[in-house]
Amino acid sequence: MKTFQRKPEIITAVQWIDTNSYWDICTFLGMDLTYIGAKKMLEIPVDGGYQYAEPTDWVVKDIYGNISIKKNDTLLVSFDELPSN
């Protein structure tokens, strides 16, 4: 898990790479997720429905616990990675 900051927002995020990162994301979110093997996607429940993470997407939690999906390029342009504690 890495920590990123977009002033003034701080988020935590785990990148969906492949099935090796499935359990990391489940642990990060505290729930089991649906893996859609044919499309290599994760179905993630969020307020109001579902979002789908594709390989290289980041599963993000903000300081309020809201979950979202960010494309790799968007996250890397919008946030600066903070040093590990």
PDB file of N, CA and C in Angstrom:
ATOM      1  N   MET A   1       0.861  -1.163   0.000  1.00  0.00           N
ATOM      2  CA  MET A   1       0.000   0.000   0.000  1.00  0.00           C
ATOM      3  C   MET A   1       0.902   1.219   0.000  1.00  0.00           C
ATOM      4  N   LYS A   2       0.512   2.220  -0.770  1.00  0.00           N
ATOM      5  CA  LYS A   2       1.240   3.484  -0.827  1.00  0.00           C
ATOM      6  C   LYS A   2       0.314   4.609  -0.407  1.00  0.00           C
ATOM      7  N   THR A   3       0.880   5.720   0.041  1.00  0.00           N
ATOM      8  CA  THR A   3       0.115   6.892   0.443  1.00  0.00           C
ATOM      9  C   THR A   3       0.456   8.029  -0.498  1.00  0.00           C
ATOM     10  N   PHE A   4      -0.571   8.751  -0.962  1.00  0.00           N
ATOM     11  CA  PHE A   4      -0.408   9.854  -1.901  1.00  0.00           C
ATOM     12  C   PHE A   4      -1.098  11.093  -1.368  1.00  0.00           C
ATOM     13  N   GLN A   5      -0.692  12.265  -1.848  1.00  0.00           N
ATOM     14  CA  GLN A   5      -1.317  13.519  -1.413  1.00  0.00           C
ATOM     15  C   GLN A   5      -1.615  14.409  -2.612  1.00  0.00           C
ATOM     16  N   ARG A   6      -2.821  14.931  -2.666  1.00  0.00           N
ATOM     17  CA  ARG A   6      -3.208  16.018  -3.562  1.00  0.00           C
ATOM     18  C   ARG A   6      -3.694  17.094  -2.629  1.00  0.00           C
ATOM     19  N   LYS A   7      -2.989  18.164  -2.596  1.00  0.00           N
ATOM     20  CA  LYS A   7      -3.307  19.185  -1.600  1.00  0.00           C
ATOM     21  C   LYS A   7      -4.744  19.631  -1.741  1.00  0.00           C
ATOM     22  N   PRO A   8      -5.489  19.684  -0.672  1.00  0.00           N
ATOM     23  CA  PRO A   8      -5.137  19.256   0.684  1.00  0.00           C
ATOM     24  C   PRO A   8      -5.542  17.815   0.971  1.00  0.00           C
ATOM     25  N   GLU A   9      -5.850  17.054  -0.050  1.00  0.00           N
ATOM     26  CA  GLU A   9      -6.411  15.713   0.125  1.00  0.00           C
ATOM     27  C   GLU A   9      -5.314  14.655   0.249  1.00  0.00           C
ATOM     28  N   ILE A  10      -5.470  13.746   1.214  1.00  0.00           N
ATOM     29  CA  ILE A  10      -4.577  12.598   1.357  1.00  0.00           C
ATOM     30  C   ILE A  10      -5.411  11.340   1.140  1.00  0.00           C
ATOM     31  N   ILE A  11      -4.864  10.428   0.346  1.00  0.00           N
ATOM     32  CA  ILE A  11      -5.541   9.161   0.051  1.00  0.00           C
ATOM     33  C   ILE A  11      -4.589   8.005   0.326  1.00  0.00           C
ATOM     34  N   THR A  12      -5.154   6.805   0.437  1.00  0.00           N
ATOM     35  CA  THR A  12      -4.373   5.576   0.394  1.00  0.00           C
ATOM     36  C   THR A  12      -4.867   4.792  -0.808  1.00  0.00           C
ATOM     37  N   ALA A  13      -3.970   4.018  -1.417  1.00  0.00           N
ATOM     38  CA  ALA A  13      -4.338   3.349  -2.659  1.00  0.00           C
ATOM     39  C   ALA A  13      -3.555   2.058  -2.835  1.00  0.00           C
ATOM     40  N   VAL A  14      -4.198   1.095  -3.499  1.00  0.00           N
ATOM     41  CA  VAL A  14      -3.564  -0.158  -3.884  1.00  0.00           C
ATOM     42  C   VAL A  14      -3.809  -0.321  -5.379  1.00  0.00           C
ATOM     43  N   GLN A  15      -2.760  -0.686  -6.109  1.00  0.00           N
ATOM     44  CA  GLN A  15      -2.898  -0.833  -7.560  1.00  0.00           C
ATOM     45  C   GLN A  15      -3.330  -2.247  -7.916  1.00  0.00           C
ATOM     46  N   TRP A  16      -4.317  -2.335  -8.819  1.00  0.00           N
ATOM     47  CA  TRP A  16      -4.781  -3.614  -9.345  1.00  0.00           C
ATOM     48  C   TRP A  16      -3.865  -3.960 -10.510  1.00  0.00           C
ATOM     49  N   ILE A  17      -3.027  -4.970 -10.303  1.00  0.00           N
ATOM     50  CA  ILE A  17      -2.087  -5.393 -11.338  1.00  0.00           C
ATOM     51  C   ILE A  17      -2.607  -6.651 -12.018  1.00  0.00           C
ATOM     52  N   ASP A  18      -2.829  -7.668 -11.228  1.00  0.00           N
ATOM     53  CA  ASP A  18      -3.334  -8.941 -11.717  1.00  0.00           C
ATOM     54  C   ASP A  18      -3.876  -9.708 -10.511  1.00  0.00           C
ATOM     55  N   THR A  19      -4.154 -10.973 -10.712  1.00  0.00           N
ATOM     56  CA  THR A  19      -4.756 -11.731  -9.615  1.00  0.00           C
ATOM     57  C   THR A  19      -3.857 -11.804  -8.390  1.00  0.00           C
ATOM     58  N   ASN A  20      -2.558 -11.559  -8.515  1.00  0.00           N
ATOM     59  CA  ASN A  20      -1.668 -11.557  -7.349  1.00  0.00           C
ATOM     60  C   ASN A  20      -2.008 -10.433  -6.382  1.00  0.00           C
ATOM     61  N   SER A  21      -2.595  -9.339  -6.867  1.00  0.00           N
ATOM     62  CA  SER A  21      -2.937  -8.215  -5.986  1.00  0.00           C
ATOM     63  C   SER A  21      -4.391  -8.283  -5.487  1.00  0.00           C
ATOM     64  N   TYR A  22      -5.133  -9.324  -5.877  1.00  0.00           N
ATOM     65  CA  TYR A  22      -6.536  -9.458  -5.472  1.00  0.00           C
ATOM     66  C   TYR A  22      -6.692  -9.414  -3.951  1.00  0.00           C
ATOM     67  N   TRP A  23      -5.927 -10.247  -3.230  1.00  0.00           N
ATOM     68  CA  TRP A  23      -6.083 -10.310  -1.776  1.00  0.00           C
ATOM     69  C   TRP A  23      -5.597  -9.041  -1.102  1.00  0.00           C
ATOM     70  N   ASP A  24      -4.601  -8.374  -1.679  1.00  0.00           N
ATOM     71  CA  ASP A  24      -4.151  -7.089  -1.128  1.00  0.00           C
ATOM     72  C   ASP A  24      -5.295  -6.074  -1.150  1.00  0.00           C
ATOM     73  N   ILE A  25      -6.040  -6.056  -2.241  1.00  0.00           N
ATOM     74  CA  ILE A  25      -7.146  -5.103  -2.372  1.00  0.00           C
ATOM     75  C   ILE A  25      -8.302  -5.510  -1.463  1.00  0.00           C
ATOM     76  N   CYS A  26      -8.599  -6.799  -1.373  1.00  0.00           N
ATOM     77  CA  CYS A  26      -9.656  -7.261  -0.454  1.00  0.00           C
ATOM     78  C   CYS A  26      -9.321  -6.873   0.981  1.00  0.00           C
ATOM     79  N   THR A  27      -8.081  -7.074   1.379  1.00  0.00           N
ATOM     80  CA  THR A  27      -7.648  -6.710   2.733  1.00  0.00           C
ATOM     81  C   THR A  27      -7.733  -5.202   2.929  1.00  0.00           C
ATOM     82  N   PHE A  28      -7.282  -4.441   1.951  1.00  0.00           N
ATOM     83  CA  PHE A  28      -7.311  -2.977   1.996  1.00  0.00           C
ATOM     84  C   PHE A  28      -8.739  -2.463   2.193  1.00  0.00           C
ATOM     85  N   LEU A  29      -9.704  -3.054   1.485  1.00  0.00           N
ATOM     86  CA  LEU A  29     -11.093  -2.604   1.568  1.00  0.00           C
ATOM     87  C   LEU A  29     -11.879  -3.300   2.672  1.00  0.00           C
ATOM     88  N   GLY A  30     -11.361  -4.401   3.198  1.00  0.00           N
ATOM     89  CA  GLY A  30     -12.060  -5.131   4.248  1.00  0.00           C
ATOM     90  C   GLY A  30     -13.268  -5.893   3.744  1.00  0.00           C
ATOM     91  N   MET A  31     -13.202  -6.380   2.507  1.00  0.00           N
ATOM     92  CA  MET A  31     -14.318  -7.128   1.925  1.00  0.00           C
ATOM     93  C   MET A  31     -13.823  -8.007   0.787  1.00  0.00           C
ATOM     94  N   ASP A  32     -14.581  -9.074   0.493  1.00  0.00           N
ATOM     95  CA  ASP A  32     -14.306  -9.885  -0.687  1.00  0.00           C
ATOM     96  C   ASP A  32     -14.871  -9.175  -1.901  1.00  0.00           C
ATOM     97  N   LEU A  33     -14.193  -9.312  -3.031  1.00  0.00           N
ATOM     98  CA  LEU A  33     -14.599  -8.646  -4.262  1.00  0.00           C
ATOM     99  C   LEU A  33     -14.869  -9.673  -5.342  1.00  0.00           C
ATOM    100  N   THR A  34     -15.637  -9.263  -6.339  1.00  0.00           N
ATOM    101  CA  THR A  34     -15.913 -10.121  -7.481  1.00  0.00           C
ATOM    102  C   THR A  34     -14.849  -9.886  -8.541  1.00  0.00           C
ATOM    103  N   TYR A  35     -14.207 -10.978  -8.969  1.00  0.00           N
ATOM    104  CA  TYR A  35     -13.219 -10.933 -10.047  1.00  0.00           C
ATOM    105  C   TYR A  35     -13.905 -11.384 -11.317  1.00  0.00           C
ATOM    106  N   ILE A  36     -13.860 -10.551 -12.343  1.00  0.00           N
ATOM    107  CA  ILE A  36     -14.461 -10.879 -13.635  1.00  0.00           C
ATOM    108  C   ILE A  36     -13.313 -11.330 -14.538  1.00  0.00           C
ATOM    109  N   GLY A  37     -13.073 -12.628 -14.556  1.00  0.00           N
ATOM    110  CA  GLY A  37     -11.900 -13.192 -15.215  1.00  0.00           C
ATOM    111  C   GLY A  37     -11.786 -12.905 -16.691  1.00  0.00           C
ATOM    112  N   ALA A  38     -12.894 -12.945 -17.415  1.00  0.00           N
ATOM    113  CA  ALA A  38     -12.838 -12.728 -18.856  1.00  0.00           C
ATOM    114  C   ALA A  38     -12.293 -11.343 -19.207  1.00  0.00           C
ATOM    115  N   LYS A  39     -12.551 -10.371 -18.346  1.00  0.00           N
ATOM    116  CA  LYS A  39     -12.104  -8.991 -18.596  1.00  0.00           C
ATOM    117  C   LYS A  39     -10.977  -8.566 -17.661  1.00  0.00           C
ATOM    118  N   LYS A  40     -10.557  -9.471 -16.766  1.00  0.00           N
ATOM    119  CA  LYS A  40      -9.512  -9.185 -15.773  1.00  0.00           C
ATOM    120  C   LYS A  40      -9.843  -7.940 -14.946  1.00  0.00           C
ATOM    121  N   MET A  41     -11.117  -7.811 -14.585  1.00  0.00           N
ATOM    122  CA  MET A  41     -11.591  -6.648 -13.842  1.00  0.00           C
ATOM    123  C   MET A  41     -12.047  -7.051 -12.442  1.00  0.00           C
ATOM    124  N   LEU A  42     -12.022  -6.079 -11.542  1.00  0.00           N
ATOM    125  CA  LEU A  42     -12.599  -6.239 -10.213  1.00  0.00           C
ATOM    126  C   LEU A  42     -13.865  -5.408 -10.126  1.00  0.00           C
ATOM    127  N   GLU A  43     -14.923  -5.991  -9.580  1.00  0.00           N
ATOM    128  CA  GLU A  43     -16.168  -5.271  -9.327  1.00  0.00           C
ATOM    129  C   GLU A  43     -16.131  -4.821  -7.870  1.00  0.00           C
ATOM    130  N   ILE A  44     -16.184  -3.506  -7.669  1.00  0.00           N
ATOM    131  CA  ILE A  44     -16.026  -2.950  -6.329  1.00  0.00           C
ATOM    132  C   ILE A  44     -17.289  -2.186  -5.951  1.00  0.00           C
ATOM    133  N   PRO A  45     -17.960  -2.611  -4.850  1.00  0.00           N
ATOM    134  CA  PRO A  45     -19.159  -1.890  -4.426  1.00  0.00           C
ATOM    135  C   PRO A  45     -18.793  -0.521  -3.856  1.00  0.00           C
ATOM    136  N   VAL A  46     -19.503   0.490  -4.334  1.00  0.00           N
ATOM    137  CA  VAL A  46     -19.345   1.864  -3.850  1.00  0.00           C
ATOM    138  C   VAL A  46     -20.737   2.425  -3.610  1.00  0.00           C
ATOM    139  N   ASP A  47     -20.808   3.584  -2.950  1.00  0.00           N
ATOM    140  CA  ASP A  47     -22.110   4.214  -2.747  1.00  0.00           C
ATOM    141  C   ASP A  47     -22.802   4.378  -4.090  1.00  0.00           C
ATOM    142  N   GLY A  48     -24.005   3.875  -4.197  1.00  0.00           N
ATOM    143  CA  GLY A  48     -24.793   4.041  -5.408  1.00  0.00           C
ATOM    144  C   GLY A  48     -24.555   2.995  -6.478  1.00  0.00           C
ATOM    145  N   GLY A  49     -23.783   1.942  -6.199  1.00  0.00           N
ATOM    146  CA  GLY A  49     -23.604   0.903  -7.214  1.00  0.00           C
ATOM    147  C   GLY A  49     -22.238   0.251  -7.176  1.00  0.00           C
ATOM    148  N   TYR A  50     -21.654   0.098  -8.357  1.00  0.00           N
ATOM    149  CA  TYR A  50     -20.366  -0.577  -8.494  1.00  0.00           C
ATOM    150  C   TYR A  50     -19.441   0.240  -9.391  1.00  0.00           C
ATOM    151  N   GLN A  51     -18.143   0.107  -9.138  1.00  0.00           N
ATOM    152  CA  GLN A  51     -17.128   0.600 -10.051  1.00  0.00           C
ATOM    153  C   GLN A  51     -16.266  -0.589 -10.431  1.00  0.00           C
ATOM    154  N   TYR A  52     -15.603  -0.490 -11.568  1.00  0.00           N
ATOM    155  CA  TYR A  52     -14.824  -1.602 -12.082  1.00  0.00           C
ATOM    156  C   TYR A  52     -13.375  -1.185 -12.271  1.00  0.00           C
ATOM    157  N   ALA A  53     -12.470  -1.942 -11.650  1.00  0.00           N
ATOM    158  CA  ALA A  53     -11.042  -1.675 -11.777  1.00  0.00           C
ATOM    159  C   ALA A  53     -10.469  -2.586 -12.857  1.00  0.00           C
ATOM    160  N   GLU A  54      -9.750  -1.972 -13.784  1.00  0.00           N
ATOM    161  CA  GLU A  54      -9.041  -2.702 -14.825  1.00  0.00           C
ATOM    162  C   GLU A  54      -7.566  -2.765 -14.435  1.00  0.00           C
ATOM    163  N   PRO A  55      -6.802  -3.685 -15.033  1.00  0.00           N
ATOM    164  CA  PRO A  55      -5.380  -3.756 -14.707  1.00  0.00           C
ATOM    165  C   PRO A  55      -4.706  -2.387 -14.838  1.00  0.00           C
ATOM    166  N   THR A  56      -3.866  -2.070 -13.881  1.00  0.00           N
ATOM    167  CA  THR A  56      -3.106  -0.824 -13.669  1.00  0.00           C
ATOM    168  C   THR A  56      -3.921   0.269 -12.979  1.00  0.00           C
ATOM    169  N   ASP A  57      -5.236   0.109 -12.808  1.00  0.00           N
ATOM    170  CA  ASP A  57      -6.039   1.088 -12.063  1.00  0.00           C
ATOM    171  C   ASP A  57      -5.674   1.014 -10.577  1.00  0.00           C
ATOM    172  N   TRP A  58      -5.941   2.106  -9.887  1.00  0.00           N
ATOM    173  CA  TRP A  58      -5.727   2.185  -8.440  1.00  0.00           C
ATOM    174  C   TRP A  58      -7.075   2.181  -7.730  1.00  0.00           C
ATOM    175  N   VAL A  59      -7.180   1.378  -6.676  1.00  0.00           N
ATOM    176  CA  VAL A  59      -8.347   1.388  -5.799  1.00  0.00           C
ATOM    177  C   VAL A  59      -7.980   2.341  -4.664  1.00  0.00           C
ATOM    178  N   VAL A  60      -8.796   3.386  -4.490  1.00  0.00           N
ATOM    179  CA  VAL A  60      -8.445   4.519  -3.635  1.00  0.00           C
ATOM    180  C   VAL A  60      -9.456   4.663  -2.507  1.00  0.00           C
ATOM    181  N   LYS A  61      -8.943   4.993  -1.311  1.00  0.00           N
ATOM    182  CA  LYS A  61      -9.791   5.385  -0.184  1.00  0.00           C
ATOM    183  C   LYS A  61      -9.340   6.759   0.275  1.00  0.00           C
ATOM    184  N   ASP A  62     -10.308   7.682   0.429  1.00  0.00           N
ATOM    185  CA  ASP A  62      -9.955   9.007   0.946  1.00  0.00           C
ATOM    186  C   ASP A  62     -10.040   8.991   2.477  1.00  0.00           C
ATOM    187  N   ILE A  63      -9.766  10.123   3.095  1.00  0.00           N
ATOM    188  CA  ILE A  63      -9.740  10.179   4.556  1.00  0.00           C
ATOM    189  C   ILE A  63     -11.107   9.941   5.189  1.00  0.00           C
ATOM    190  N   TYR A  64     -12.169  10.027   4.398  1.00  0.00           N
ATOM    191  CA  TYR A  64     -13.528   9.798   4.898  1.00  0.00           C
ATOM    192  C   TYR A  64     -13.980   8.357   4.678  1.00  0.00           C
ATOM    193  N   GLY A  65     -13.132   7.530   4.053  1.00  0.00           N
ATOM    194  CA  GLY A  65     -13.480   6.139   3.787  1.00  0.00           C
ATOM    195  C   GLY A  65     -14.179   5.918   2.466  1.00  0.00           C
ATOM    196  N   ASN A  66     -14.348   6.969   1.661  1.00  0.00           N
ATOM    197  CA  ASN A  66     -14.969   6.822   0.345  1.00  0.00           C
ATOM    198  C   ASN A  66     -14.031   6.070  -0.587  1.00  0.00           C
ATOM    199  N   ILE A  67     -14.586   5.155  -1.354  1.00  0.00           N
ATOM    200  CA  ILE A  67     -13.816   4.321  -2.270  1.00  0.00           C
ATOM    201  C   ILE A  67     -14.060   4.791  -3.689  1.00  0.00           C
ATOM    202  N   SER A  68     -12.996   4.838  -4.483  1.00  0.00           N
ATOM    203  CA  SER A  68     -13.118   5.160  -5.901  1.00  0.00           C
ATOM    204  C   SER A  68     -12.012   4.459  -6.675  1.00  0.00           C
ATOM    205  N   ILE A  69     -12.124   4.502  -7.982  1.00  0.00           N
ATOM    206  CA  ILE A  69     -11.123   3.930  -8.876  1.00  0.00           C
ATOM    207  C   ILE A  69     -10.480   5.085  -9.638  1.00  0.00           C
ATOM    208  N   LYS A  70      -9.158   5.069  -9.712  1.00  0.00           N
ATOM    209  CA  LYS A  70      -8.434   6.091 -10.479  1.00  0.00           C
ATOM    210  C   LYS A  70      -7.556   5.384 -11.503  1.00  0.00           C
ATOM    211  N   LYS A  71      -7.550   5.897 -12.710  1.00  0.00           N
ATOM    212  CA  LYS A  71      -6.635   5.409 -13.734  1.00  0.00           C
ATOM    213  C   LYS A  71      -5.216   5.730 -13.302  1.00  0.00           C
ATOM    214  N   ASN A  72      -4.265   4.889 -13.675  1.00  0.00           N
ATOM    215  CA  ASN A  72      -2.876   5.054 -13.265  1.00  0.00           C
ATOM    216  C   ASN A  72      -2.350   6.449 -13.617  1.00  0.00           C
ATOM    217  N   ASP A  73      -2.543   6.887 -14.869  1.00  0.00           N
ATOM    218  CA  ASP A  73      -2.035   8.197 -15.296  1.00  0.00           C
ATOM    219  C   ASP A  73      -2.658   9.330 -14.497  1.00  0.00           C
ATOM    220  N   THR A  74      -3.961   9.251 -14.236  1.00  0.00           N
ATOM    221  CA  THR A  74      -4.658  10.294 -13.478  1.00  0.00           C
ATOM    222  C   THR A  74      -4.114  10.389 -12.064  1.00  0.00           C
ATOM    223  N   LEU A  75      -3.942   9.246 -11.410  1.00  0.00           N
ATOM    224  CA  LEU A  75      -3.436   9.262 -10.039  1.00  0.00           C
ATOM    225  C   LEU A  75      -2.025   9.838  -9.995  1.00  0.00           C
ATOM    226  N   LEU A  76      -1.171   9.407 -10.892  1.00  0.00           N
ATOM    227  CA  LEU A  76       0.222   9.850 -10.854  1.00  0.00           C
ATOM    228  C   LEU A  76       0.385  11.331 -11.191  1.00  0.00           C
ATOM    229  N   VAL A  77      -0.523  11.888 -11.995  1.00  0.00           N
ATOM    230  CA  VAL A  77      -0.472  13.318 -12.315  1.00  0.00           C
ATOM    231  C   VAL A  77      -1.099  14.154 -11.204  1.00  0.00           C
ATOM    232  N   SER A  78      -2.145  13.636 -10.563  1.00  0.00           N
ATOM    233  CA  SER A  78      -2.909  14.410  -9.588  1.00  0.00           C
ATOM    234  C   SER A  78      -2.368  14.344  -8.164  1.00  0.00           C
ATOM    235  N   PHE A  79      -1.590  13.322  -7.856  1.00  0.00           N
ATOM    236  CA  PHE A  79      -1.127  13.110  -6.486  1.00  0.00           C
ATOM    237  C   PHE A  79       0.380  12.926  -6.456  1.00  0.00           C
ATOM    238  N   ASP A  80       0.999  13.364  -5.366  1.00  0.00           N
ATOM    239  CA  ASP A  80       2.421  13.107  -5.112  1.00  0.00           C
ATOM    240  C   ASP A  80       2.505  12.003  -4.069  1.00  0.00           C
ATOM    241  N   GLU A  81       3.348  10.995  -4.328  1.00  0.00           N
ATOM    242  CA  GLU A  81       3.507   9.919  -3.359  1.00  0.00           C
ATOM    243  C   GLU A  81       4.268  10.439  -2.143  1.00  0.00           C
ATOM    244  N   LEU A  82       3.751  10.108  -0.977  1.00  0.00           N
ATOM    245  CA  LEU A  82       4.396  10.486   0.273  1.00  0.00           C
ATOM    246  C   LEU A  82       5.394   9.411   0.677  1.00  0.00           C
ATOM    247  N   PRO A  83       6.453   9.791   1.382  1.00  0.00           N
ATOM    248  CA  PRO A  83       7.414   8.783   1.843  1.00  0.00           C
ATOM    249  C   PRO A  83       6.750   7.795   2.793  1.00  0.00           C
ATOM    250  N   SER A  84       7.223   6.559   2.777  1.00  0.00           N
ATOM    251  CA  SER A  84       6.701   5.537   3.697  1.00  0.00           C
ATOM    252  C   SER A  84       7.098   5.884   5.112  1.00  0.00           C
ATOM    253  N   ASN A  85       6.201   5.565   6.055  1.00  0.00           N
ATOM    254  CA  ASN A  85       6.503   5.837   7.473  1.00  0.00           C
ATOM    255  C   ASN A  85       7.419   4.802   8.041  1.00  0.00           C
TER     256      ASN A  85
END
